[in-house]
């Protein structure tokens, strides 16, 4: 890898860690900065990661085991977000928190999150999908180069920006020429630089990355993508279950599928695997509304 590429990766990792490093305003009140990850609206993964980070800072260090979140209003990337944490319960095993994200005095997001220490007990999991190893696949950036001729000129610089999390899609498609297909997709993902041994940071980064591609799975049977101009799409809610410890700086397989689209909404599910273990499950409902094309008078 060239020196410039390595420096770029280090800078991208620093940006991600910085965005998930919150300023403490007072007890149980934190402020996070916003940036443009996917467009003019705050990326849902950013709010997920920051809210989880805020909640974790009010606990004794035990990891999260589940979260349930609702996206209520679009966030503005030009302004910071304030996170108010409410301490609902501090038990011997379980710690419960509610997080409210506020911008311009308006509630834009709310989350319930539960924390618990790891315990020995019954153990079972379904089999991990048989997929190619990440090193055998093209990176997302390499795939973007292949479809660059399809990109509108005004969008090209934004789309070609490198993500803070490295993705390697297993069955990539061209979002500028979508075709109806089975609603199943998967990619490997990781932060390409070593991170501190802070479980709360790793969970926040994985929550951040869990929002990439998940909702788009429900669009696949319809031959529609986020590049479809008549599509109005937004995350409605998002849940995560942390079954086992996981590191964000080691390869995670994110296997996704959708079960139904109805009433302008789609239901999407994901499983994350690391070292052959099912470590995290996700689900998300998204708004998927096709608007009528505008007509000139």
C-alpha atoms as a PDB file:
ATOM      1  CA  UNK A   1       0.000   0.000   0.000  1.00  0.00           C
ATOM      2  CA  UNK A   2       1.323   3.460  -0.897  1.00  0.00           C
ATOM      3  CA  UNK A   3       2.192   6.014   1.775  1.00  0.00           C
ATOM      4  CA  UNK A   4      -0.585   8.319   0.532  1.00  0.00           C
ATOM      5  CA  UNK A   5      -3.195   5.541   0.727  1.00  0.00           C
ATOM      6  CA  UNK A   6      -2.101   4.643   4.252  1.00  0.00           C
ATOM      7  CA  UNK A   7      -2.257   8.295   5.326  1.00  0.00           C
ATOM      8  CA  UNK A   8      -5.766   8.572   3.843  1.00  0.00           C
ATOM      9  CA  UNK A   9      -6.909   5.502   5.771  1.00  0.00           C
ATOM     10  CA  UNK A  10      -5.463   6.828   9.008  1.00  0.00           C
ATOM     11  CA  UNK A  11      -7.210  10.158   8.478  1.00  0.00           C
ATOM     12  CA  UNK A  12     -10.543   8.469   7.739  1.00  0.00           C
ATOM     13  CA  UNK A  13     -10.250   6.355  10.893  1.00  0.00           C
ATOM     14  CA  UNK A  14      -9.417   9.459  12.933  1.00  0.00           C
ATOM     15  CA  UNK A  15     -12.488  11.229  11.509  1.00  0.00           C
ATOM     16  CA  UNK A  16     -14.703   8.311  12.531  1.00  0.00           C
ATOM     17  CA  UNK A  17     -13.300   8.135  16.056  1.00  0.00           C
ATOM     18  CA  UNK A  18     -13.600  11.923  16.374  1.00  0.00           C
ATOM     19  CA  UNK A  19     -17.264  11.936  15.314  1.00  0.00           C
ATOM     20  CA  UNK A  20     -17.986   9.328  18.000  1.00  0.00           C
ATOM     21  CA  UNK A  21     -16.043  11.232  20.666  1.00  0.00           C
ATOM     22  CA  UNK A  22     -18.659  13.325  22.456  1.00  0.00           C
ATOM     23  CA  UNK A  23     -18.280  16.502  24.441  1.00  0.00           C
ATOM     24  CA  UNK A  24     -19.698  16.255  27.952  1.00  0.00           C
ATOM     25  CA  UNK A  25     -21.802  19.353  28.650  1.00  0.00           C
ATOM     26  CA  UNK A  26     -22.969  18.266  32.108  1.00  0.00           C
ATOM     27  CA  UNK A  27     -24.069  15.068  33.843  1.00  0.00           C
ATOM     28  CA  UNK A  28     -25.849  12.796  31.313  1.00  0.00           C
ATOM     29  CA  UNK A  29     -25.793  15.508  28.636  1.00  0.00           C
ATOM     30  CA  UNK A  30     -23.450  15.254  25.635  1.00  0.00           C
ATOM     31  CA  UNK A  31     -22.855  17.019  22.343  1.00  0.00           C
ATOM     32  CA  UNK A  32     -21.783  15.370  19.106  1.00  0.00           C
ATOM     33  CA  UNK A  33     -20.664  17.018  15.885  1.00  0.00           C
ATOM     34  CA  UNK A  34     -22.253  16.272  12.510  1.00  0.00           C
ATOM     35  CA  UNK A  35     -20.693  15.830   9.110  1.00  0.00           C
ATOM     36  CA  UNK A  36     -21.693  14.951   5.582  1.00  0.00           C
ATOM     37  CA  UNK A  37     -21.532  11.172   5.202  1.00  0.00           C
ATOM     38  CA  UNK A  38     -24.354  10.558   2.713  1.00  0.00           C
ATOM     39  CA  UNK A  39     -25.811  13.954   1.765  1.00  0.00           C
ATOM     40  CA  UNK A  40     -27.540  16.984   3.238  1.00  0.00           C
ATOM     41  CA  UNK A  41     -29.265  15.003   5.999  1.00  0.00           C
ATOM     42  CA  UNK A  42     -27.462  13.517   8.978  1.00  0.00           C
ATOM     43  CA  UNK A  43     -26.592   9.868   8.313  1.00  0.00           C
ATOM     44  CA  UNK A  44     -28.683   7.575  10.509  1.00  0.00           C
ATOM     45  CA  UNK A  45     -25.622   5.533  11.436  1.00  0.00           C
ATOM     46  CA  UNK A  46     -23.970   8.648  12.850  1.00  0.00           C
ATOM     47  CA  UNK A  47     -26.870   9.248  15.245  1.00  0.00           C
ATOM     48  CA  UNK A  48     -27.020   5.553  16.183  1.00  0.00           C
ATOM     49  CA  UNK A  49     -23.329   5.475  16.995  1.00  0.00           C
ATOM     50  CA  UNK A  50     -23.308   8.757  18.899  1.00  0.00           C
ATOM     51  CA  UNK A  51     -26.429   7.887  20.910  1.00  0.00           C
ATOM     52  CA  UNK A  52     -25.015   4.479  21.857  1.00  0.00           C
ATOM     53  CA  UNK A  53     -21.743   6.123  22.821  1.00  0.00           C
ATOM     54  CA  UNK A  54     -23.564   8.673  24.993  1.00  0.00           C
ATOM     55  CA  UNK A  55     -25.493   5.930  26.795  1.00  0.00           C
ATOM     56  CA  UNK A  56     -22.358   3.846  27.355  1.00  0.00           C
ATOM     57  CA  UNK A  57     -20.600   6.793  29.006  1.00  0.00           C
ATOM     58  CA  UNK A  58     -23.195   6.708  31.812  1.00  0.00           C
ATOM     59  CA  UNK A  59     -22.592   3.031  32.690  1.00  0.00           C
ATOM     60  CA  UNK A  60     -19.859   1.127  34.530  1.00  0.00           C
ATOM     61  CA  UNK A  61     -18.331  -0.130  31.283  1.00  0.00           C
ATOM     62  CA  UNK A  62     -20.498  -3.191  30.677  1.00  0.00           C
ATOM     63  CA  UNK A  63     -21.343  -3.679  26.967  1.00  0.00           C
ATOM     64  CA  UNK A  64     -24.697  -3.053  25.313  1.00  0.00           C
ATOM     65  CA  UNK A  65     -26.730  -6.156  24.515  1.00  0.00           C
ATOM     66  CA  UNK A  66     -29.637  -4.514  22.657  1.00  0.00           C
ATOM     67  CA  UNK A  67     -30.911  -1.201  21.353  1.00  0.00           C
ATOM     68  CA  UNK A  68     -34.166  -0.052  19.808  1.00  0.00           C
ATOM     69  CA  UNK A  69     -34.234   3.314  18.047  1.00  0.00           C
ATOM     70  CA  UNK A  70     -36.633   5.541  16.116  1.00  0.00           C
ATOM     71  CA  UNK A  71     -35.649   8.218  13.614  1.00  0.00           C
ATOM     72  CA  UNK A  72     -38.203  10.991  14.147  1.00  0.00           C
ATOM     73  CA  UNK A  73     -36.969  13.965  12.109  1.00  0.00           C
ATOM     74  CA  UNK A  74     -34.178  14.617   9.627  1.00  0.00           C
ATOM     75  CA  UNK A  75     -31.004  16.014  11.141  1.00  0.00           C
ATOM     76  CA  UNK A  76     -29.007  18.973   9.809  1.00  0.00           C
ATOM     77  CA  UNK A  77     -25.340  18.226   9.029  1.00  0.00           C
ATOM     78  CA  UNK A  78     -24.497  21.904   9.614  1.00  0.00           C
ATOM     79  CA  UNK A  79     -25.263  21.753  13.340  1.00  0.00           C
ATOM     80  CA  UNK A  80     -24.208  19.628  16.344  1.00  0.00           C
ATOM     81  CA  UNK A  81     -26.609  17.243  18.091  1.00  0.00           C
ATOM     82  CA  UNK A  82     -27.255  17.182  21.842  1.00  0.00           C
ATOM     83  CA  UNK A  83     -27.812  13.798  23.499  1.00  0.00           C
ATOM     84  CA  UNK A  84     -29.807  13.629  26.741  1.00  0.00           C
ATOM     85  CA  UNK A  85     -29.405  10.319  28.597  1.00  0.00           C
ATOM     86  CA  UNK A  86     -32.062   9.208  31.078  1.00  0.00           C
ATOM     87  CA  UNK A  87     -31.040   6.559  33.623  1.00  0.00           C
ATOM     88  CA  UNK A  88     -34.017   4.192  33.669  1.00  0.00           C
ATOM     89  CA  UNK A  89     -32.530   1.335  35.676  1.00  0.00           C
ATOM     90  CA  UNK A  90     -29.244   0.297  37.290  1.00  0.00           C
ATOM     91  CA  UNK A  91     -29.551  -3.358  38.264  1.00  0.00           C
ATOM     92  CA  UNK A  92     -27.036  -6.016  39.178  1.00  0.00           C
ATOM     93  CA  UNK A  93     -27.189  -7.543  35.702  1.00  0.00           C
ATOM     94  CA  UNK A  94     -29.008  -5.079  33.450  1.00  0.00           C
ATOM     95  CA  UNK A  95     -28.578  -1.335  33.029  1.00  0.00           C
ATOM     96  CA  UNK A  96     -31.217   0.518  30.985  1.00  0.00           C
ATOM     97  CA  UNK A  97     -30.943   3.928  29.363  1.00  0.00           C
ATOM     98  CA  UNK A  98     -33.045   6.163  27.147  1.00  0.00           C
ATOM     99  CA  UNK A  99     -31.292   8.585  24.822  1.00  0.00           C
ATOM    100  CA  UNK A 100     -32.935  11.569  23.174  1.00  0.00           C
ATOM    101  CA  UNK A 101     -31.163  13.375  20.326  1.00  0.00           C
ATOM    102  CA  UNK A 102     -32.057  17.038  20.036  1.00  0.00           C
ATOM    103  CA  UNK A 103     -31.230  19.593  17.356  1.00  0.00           C
ATOM    104  CA  UNK A 104     -32.519  23.182  17.252  1.00  0.00           C
ATOM    105  CA  UNK A 105     -34.649  22.303  20.287  1.00  0.00           C
ATOM    106  CA  UNK A 106     -36.460  19.537  18.355  1.00  0.00           C
ATOM    107  CA  UNK A 107     -36.362  15.803  19.068  1.00  0.00           C
ATOM    108  CA  UNK A 108     -34.935  14.059  16.003  1.00  0.00           C
ATOM    109  CA  UNK A 109     -34.210  10.581  17.398  1.00  0.00           C
ATOM    110  CA  UNK A 110     -34.857   8.415  20.457  1.00  0.00           C
ATOM    111  CA  UNK A 111     -33.284   5.166  21.617  1.00  0.00           C
ATOM    112  CA  UNK A 112     -33.754   2.616  24.378  1.00  0.00           C
ATOM    113  CA  UNK A 113     -30.579   0.654  25.110  1.00  0.00           C
ATOM    114  CA  UNK A 114     -29.824  -2.109  27.583  1.00  0.00           C
ATOM    115  CA  UNK A 115     -26.403  -3.125  28.894  1.00  0.00           C
ATOM    116  CA  UNK A 116     -25.370  -6.417  30.526  1.00  0.00           C
ATOM    117  CA  UNK A 117     -22.112  -8.250  31.260  1.00  0.00           C
ATOM    118  CA  UNK A 118     -21.196 -11.408  29.365  1.00  0.00           C
ATOM    119  CA  UNK A 119     -22.390 -14.617  31.029  1.00  0.00           C
ATOM    120  CA  UNK A 120     -21.814 -18.325  30.535  1.00  0.00           C
ATOM    121  CA  UNK A 121     -24.905 -20.284  29.529  1.00  0.00           C
ATOM    122  CA  UNK A 122     -26.734 -22.093  26.735  1.00  0.00           C
ATOM    123  CA  UNK A 123     -25.065 -21.577  23.361  1.00  0.00           C
ATOM    124  CA  UNK A 124     -26.402 -22.126  19.818  1.00  0.00           C
ATOM    125  CA  UNK A 125     -26.239 -20.389  16.457  1.00  0.00           C
ATOM    126  CA  UNK A 126     -27.271 -21.006  12.871  1.00  0.00           C
ATOM    127  CA  UNK A 127     -24.529 -21.702  10.364  1.00  0.00           C
ATOM    128  CA  UNK A 128     -22.536 -18.862   8.889  1.00  0.00           C
ATOM    129  CA  UNK A 129     -23.087 -18.350   5.133  1.00  0.00           C
ATOM    130  CA  UNK A 130     -20.444 -19.786   2.838  1.00  0.00           C
ATOM    131  CA  UNK A 131     -18.991 -16.715   1.112  1.00  0.00           C
ATOM    132  CA  UNK A 132     -15.668 -15.706  -0.464  1.00  0.00           C
ATOM    133  CA  UNK A 133     -12.977 -14.368   1.859  1.00  0.00           C
ATOM    134  CA  UNK A 134     -12.679 -10.551   1.916  1.00  0.00           C
ATOM    135  CA  UNK A 135      -9.166 -10.496   0.439  1.00  0.00           C
ATOM    136  CA  UNK A 136     -10.498 -12.172  -2.719  1.00  0.00           C
ATOM    137  CA  UNK A 137     -13.068  -9.400  -3.354  1.00  0.00           C
ATOM    138  CA  UNK A 138     -12.804  -5.940  -4.852  1.00  0.00           C
ATOM    139  CA  UNK A 139     -13.095  -3.032  -2.453  1.00  0.00           C
ATOM    140  CA  UNK A 140     -16.074  -0.701  -2.679  1.00  0.00           C
ATOM    141  CA  UNK A 141     -13.757   1.983  -4.060  1.00  0.00           C
ATOM    142  CA  UNK A 142     -12.576  -0.305  -6.862  1.00  0.00           C
ATOM    143  CA  UNK A 143     -16.194  -1.106  -7.716  1.00  0.00           C
ATOM    144  CA  UNK A 144     -17.065   2.594  -7.771  1.00  0.00           C
ATOM    145  CA  UNK A 145     -14.344   3.157 -10.355  1.00  0.00           C
ATOM    146  CA  UNK A 146     -16.008   0.553 -12.592  1.00  0.00           C
ATOM    147  CA  UNK A 147     -19.407   2.282 -12.524  1.00  0.00           C
ATOM    148  CA  UNK A 148     -18.071   5.857 -12.587  1.00  0.00           C
ATOM    149  CA  UNK A 149     -19.208   6.323 -16.223  1.00  0.00           C
ATOM    150  CA  UNK A 150     -22.829   5.762 -15.089  1.00  0.00           C
ATOM    151  CA  UNK A 151     -22.661   8.490 -12.437  1.00  0.00           C
ATOM    152  CA  UNK A 152     -24.124  11.946 -13.113  1.00  0.00           C
ATOM    153  CA  UNK A 153     -21.291  14.450 -13.223  1.00  0.00           C
ATOM    154  CA  UNK A 154     -22.726  16.577 -10.390  1.00  0.00           C
ATOM    155  CA  UNK A 155     -22.874  13.532  -8.088  1.00  0.00           C
ATOM    156  CA  UNK A 156     -19.568  11.919  -8.985  1.00  0.00           C
ATOM    157  CA  UNK A 157     -17.282  13.632  -6.479  1.00  0.00           C
ATOM    158  CA  UNK A 158     -19.670  12.914  -3.602  1.00  0.00           C
ATOM    159  CA  UNK A 159     -20.210   9.264  -4.501  1.00  0.00           C
ATOM    160  CA  UNK A 160     -16.506   8.636  -5.083  1.00  0.00           C
ATOM    161  CA  UNK A 161     -15.518   9.753  -1.592  1.00  0.00           C
ATOM    162  CA  UNK A 162     -13.960   6.938   0.391  1.00  0.00           C
ATOM    163  CA  UNK A 163     -15.897   5.738   3.446  1.00  0.00           C
ATOM    164  CA  UNK A 164     -14.483   5.664   6.966  1.00  0.00           C
ATOM    165  CA  UNK A 165     -15.390   1.956   7.055  1.00  0.00           C
ATOM    166  CA  UNK A 166     -13.955  -0.323   4.373  1.00  0.00           C
ATOM    167  CA  UNK A 167     -16.619  -2.382   2.563  1.00  0.00           C
ATOM    168  CA  UNK A 168     -16.129  -5.349   0.247  1.00  0.00           C
ATOM    169  CA  UNK A 169     -19.450  -6.348  -1.386  1.00  0.00           C
ATOM    170  CA  UNK A 170     -19.914 -10.027  -2.211  1.00  0.00           C
ATOM    171  CA  UNK A 171     -22.444  -9.719  -5.052  1.00  0.00           C
ATOM    172  CA  UNK A 172     -22.172  -6.082  -6.152  1.00  0.00           C
ATOM    173  CA  UNK A 173     -24.736  -4.469  -8.438  1.00  0.00           C
ATOM    174  CA  UNK A 174     -24.850  -1.198 -10.342  1.00  0.00           C
ATOM    175  CA  UNK A 175     -27.206   1.194  -8.468  1.00  0.00           C
ATOM    176  CA  UNK A 176     -27.491   3.333 -11.602  1.00  0.00           C
ATOM    177  CA  UNK A 177     -28.926   0.407 -13.600  1.00  0.00           C
ATOM    178  CA  UNK A 178     -30.877  -1.684 -11.055  1.00  0.00           C
ATOM    179  CA  UNK A 179     -32.701  -4.852 -12.057  1.00  0.00           C
ATOM    180  CA  UNK A 180     -35.272  -6.799  -9.982  1.00  0.00           C
ATOM    181  CA  UNK A 181     -33.486  -9.466  -7.939  1.00  0.00           C
ATOM    182  CA  UNK A 182     -33.757 -11.543  -4.782  1.00  0.00           C
ATOM    183  CA  UNK A 183     -33.580  -9.271  -1.694  1.00  0.00           C
ATOM    184  CA  UNK A 184     -30.354 -10.715  -0.335  1.00  0.00           C
ATOM    185  CA  UNK A 185     -26.957  -9.035  -0.133  1.00  0.00           C
ATOM    186  CA  UNK A 186     -23.814  -9.199   1.944  1.00  0.00           C
ATOM    187  CA  UNK A 187     -20.540  -7.422   2.424  1.00  0.00           C
ATOM    188  CA  UNK A 188     -17.441  -7.672   4.553  1.00  0.00           C
ATOM    189  CA  UNK A 189     -16.637  -4.556   6.569  1.00  0.00           C
ATOM    190  CA  UNK A 190     -14.000  -3.261   8.963  1.00  0.00           C
ATOM    191  CA  UNK A 191     -12.157  -0.156  10.060  1.00  0.00           C
ATOM    192  CA  UNK A 192      -8.809  -0.678   8.298  1.00  0.00           C
ATOM    193  CA  UNK A 193      -6.671   0.635  11.170  1.00  0.00           C
ATOM    194  CA  UNK A 194      -6.189  -0.687  14.693  1.00  0.00           C
ATOM    195  CA  UNK A 195      -8.496   0.863  17.279  1.00  0.00           C
ATOM    196  CA  UNK A 196      -8.150   1.218  21.065  1.00  0.00           C
ATOM    197  CA  UNK A 197      -9.364  -1.719  23.173  1.00  0.00           C
ATOM    198  CA  UNK A 198     -12.560   0.098  24.169  1.00  0.00           C
ATOM    199  CA  UNK A 199     -15.648  -2.138  23.771  1.00  0.00           C
ATOM    200  CA  UNK A 200     -17.969   0.896  23.850  1.00  0.00           C
ATOM    201  CA  UNK A 201     -16.128   2.490  20.923  1.00  0.00           C
ATOM    202  CA  UNK A 202     -16.212  -0.750  18.916  1.00  0.00           C
ATOM    203  CA  UNK A 203     -19.962  -1.140  19.484  1.00  0.00           C
ATOM    204  CA  UNK A 204     -20.574   2.498  18.489  1.00  0.00           C
ATOM    205  CA  UNK A 205     -18.590   2.087  15.266  1.00  0.00           C
ATOM    206  CA  UNK A 206     -20.411  -1.142  14.397  1.00  0.00           C
ATOM    207  CA  UNK A 207     -23.733   0.614  15.043  1.00  0.00           C
ATOM    208  CA  UNK A 208     -22.569   3.405  12.711  1.00  0.00           C
ATOM    209  CA  UNK A 209     -21.717   0.889   9.972  1.00  0.00           C
ATOM    210  CA  UNK A 210     -24.866  -1.200  10.482  1.00  0.00           C
ATOM    211  CA  UNK A 211     -26.915   1.422   8.622  1.00  0.00           C
ATOM    212  CA  UNK A 212     -24.955   1.026   5.371  1.00  0.00           C
ATOM    213  CA  UNK A 213     -26.930  -0.942   2.738  1.00  0.00           C
ATOM    214  CA  UNK A 214     -29.491  -2.471   5.116  1.00  0.00           C
ATOM    215  CA  UNK A 215     -32.560  -0.540   3.986  1.00  0.00           C
ATOM    216  CA  UNK A 216     -31.594  -0.863   0.329  1.00  0.00           C
ATOM    217  CA  UNK A 217     -32.096  -4.627   0.574  1.00  0.00           C
ATOM    218  CA  UNK A 218     -35.865  -4.126   0.491  1.00  0.00           C
ATOM    219  CA  UNK A 219     -35.578  -2.171  -2.759  1.00  0.00           C
ATOM    220  CA  UNK A 220     -33.945  -5.031  -4.648  1.00  0.00           C
ATOM    221  CA  UNK A 221     -37.081  -6.993  -5.727  1.00  0.00           C
ATOM    222  CA  UNK A 222     -38.458  -3.848  -7.350  1.00  0.00           C
ATOM    223  CA  UNK A 223     -35.478  -2.916  -9.503  1.00  0.00           C
ATOM    224  CA  UNK A 224     -35.127   0.311  -7.537  1.00  0.00           C
ATOM    225  CA  UNK A 225     -32.074   1.829  -5.836  1.00  0.00           C
ATOM    226  CA  UNK A 226     -31.228   4.952  -3.867  1.00  0.00           C
ATOM    227  CA  UNK A 227     -30.207   6.503  -7.186  1.00  0.00           C
ATOM    228  CA  UNK A 228     -33.787   6.193  -8.507  1.00  0.00           C
ATOM    229  CA  UNK A 229     -34.921   9.812  -8.781  1.00  0.00           C
ATOM    230  CA  UNK A 230     -38.572   9.122  -7.921  1.00  0.00           C
ATOM    231  CA  UNK A 231     -37.696   7.317  -4.673  1.00  0.00           C
ATOM    232  CA  UNK A 232     -38.307   8.859  -1.257  1.00  0.00           C
ATOM    233  CA  UNK A 233     -36.447   6.760   1.305  1.00  0.00           C
ATOM    234  CA  UNK A 234     -35.652   7.143   4.991  1.00  0.00           C
ATOM    235  CA  UNK A 235     -34.932   4.926   7.984  1.00  0.00           C
ATOM    236  CA  UNK A 236     -37.900   4.678  10.359  1.00  0.00           C
ATOM    237  CA  UNK A 237     -36.489   2.514  13.126  1.00  0.00           C
ATOM    238  CA  UNK A 238     -33.427   0.389  13.851  1.00  0.00           C
ATOM    239  CA  UNK A 239     -32.733  -2.398  16.343  1.00  0.00           C
ATOM    240  CA  UNK A 240     -29.529  -4.242  17.226  1.00  0.00           C
ATOM    241  CA  UNK A 241     -28.769  -7.271  19.401  1.00  0.00           C
ATOM    242  CA  UNK A 242     -25.169  -7.778  20.510  1.00  0.00           C
ATOM    243  CA  UNK A 243     -24.782 -11.515  21.163  1.00  0.00           C
ATOM    244  CA  UNK A 244     -21.022 -11.699  21.597  1.00  0.00           C
ATOM    245  CA  UNK A 245     -18.066  -9.270  21.732  1.00  0.00           C
ATOM    246  CA  UNK A 246     -16.931  -8.001  18.336  1.00  0.00           C
ATOM    247  CA  UNK A 247     -14.159  -5.766  17.074  1.00  0.00           C
ATOM    248  CA  UNK A 248     -14.796  -3.081  14.462  1.00  0.00           C
ATOM    249  CA  UNK A 249     -11.187  -3.246  13.232  1.00  0.00           C
ATOM    250  CA  UNK A 250     -11.431  -6.907  12.215  1.00  0.00           C
ATOM    251  CA  UNK A 251     -13.475  -8.302   9.330  1.00  0.00           C
ATOM    252  CA  UNK A 252     -17.212  -8.610   9.959  1.00  0.00           C
ATOM    253  CA  UNK A 253     -19.503 -10.326   7.463  1.00  0.00           C
ATOM    254  CA  UNK A 254     -22.798  -8.416   7.235  1.00  0.00           C
ATOM    255  CA  UNK A 255     -25.427 -10.708   5.691  1.00  0.00           C
ATOM    256  CA  UNK A 256     -28.750  -8.953   4.904  1.00  0.00           C
ATOM    257  CA  UNK A 257     -32.177  -9.864   3.579  1.00  0.00           C
ATOM    258  CA  UNK A 258     -35.667  -8.374   3.301  1.00  0.00           C
ATOM    259  CA  UNK A 259     -38.918 -10.205   3.985  1.00  0.00           C
ATOM    260  CA  UNK A 260     -41.668  -7.826   2.859  1.00  0.00           C
ATOM    261  CA  UNK A 261     -42.408  -4.453   1.312  1.00  0.00           C
ATOM    262  CA  UNK A 262     -45.918  -3.097   1.906  1.00  0.00           C
ATOM    263  CA  UNK A 263     -47.634   0.229   2.621  1.00  0.00           C
ATOM    264  CA  UNK A 264     -44.569   2.112   1.296  1.00  0.00           C
ATOM    265  CA  UNK A 265     -42.356   0.422   3.919  1.00  0.00           C
ATOM    266  CA  UNK A 266     -39.812  -2.377   3.779  1.00  0.00           C
ATOM    267  CA  UNK A 267     -38.631  -4.777   6.496  1.00  0.00           C
ATOM    268  CA  UNK A 268     -34.941  -5.632   6.477  1.00  0.00           C
ATOM    269  CA  UNK A 269     -32.827  -7.975   8.613  1.00  0.00           C
ATOM    270  CA  UNK A 270     -29.091  -8.415   9.067  1.00  0.00           C
ATOM    271  CA  UNK A 271     -26.628 -10.749  10.756  1.00  0.00           C
ATOM    272  CA  UNK A 272     -22.988  -9.968  11.490  1.00  0.00           C
ATOM    273  CA  UNK A 273     -20.412 -12.716  11.750  1.00  0.00           C
ATOM    274  CA  UNK A 274     -16.828 -12.607  13.016  1.00  0.00           C
ATOM    275  CA  UNK A 275     -14.438 -15.552  13.186  1.00  0.00           C
ATOM    276  CA  UNK A 276     -17.334 -17.892  12.414  1.00  0.00           C
ATOM    277  CA  UNK A 277     -19.491 -16.625  15.269  1.00  0.00           C
ATOM    278  CA  UNK A 278     -22.822 -14.819  14.980  1.00  0.00           C
ATOM    279  CA  UNK A 279     -22.021 -11.691  16.986  1.00  0.00           C
ATOM    280  CA  UNK A 280     -24.789  -9.196  16.130  1.00  0.00           C
ATOM    281  CA  UNK A 281     -28.306  -9.195  14.642  1.00  0.00           C
ATOM    282  CA  UNK A 282     -30.074  -6.137  13.217  1.00  0.00           C
ATOM    283  CA  UNK A 283     -33.465  -5.206  11.842  1.00  0.00           C
ATOM    284  CA  UNK A 284     -34.762  -2.018  10.325  1.00  0.00           C
ATOM    285  CA  UNK A 285     -37.982  -0.749   8.775  1.00  0.00           C
ATOM    286  CA  UNK A 286     -37.573   1.890   6.119  1.00  0.00           C
ATOM    287  CA  UNK A 287     -39.785   4.256   4.202  1.00  0.00           C
ATOM    288  CA  UNK A 288     -39.745   3.284   0.513  1.00  0.00           C
ATOM    289  CA  UNK A 289     -42.136   5.581  -1.325  1.00  0.00           C
ATOM    290  CA  UNK A 290     -42.181   6.096  -5.068  1.00  0.00           C
ATOM    291  CA  UNK A 291     -43.343   9.621  -5.865  1.00  0.00           C
ATOM    292  CA  UNK A 292     -45.304  10.593  -8.912  1.00  0.00           C
ATOM    293  CA  UNK A 293     -43.041  12.272 -11.486  1.00  0.00           C
ATOM    294  CA  UNK A 294     -43.577  16.013 -11.655  1.00  0.00           C
ATOM    295  CA  UNK A 295     -45.425  17.347 -14.691  1.00  0.00           C
ATOM    296  CA  UNK A 296     -44.828  20.653 -16.327  1.00  0.00           C
ATOM    297  CA  UNK A 297     -47.868  22.915 -16.628  1.00  0.00           C
END
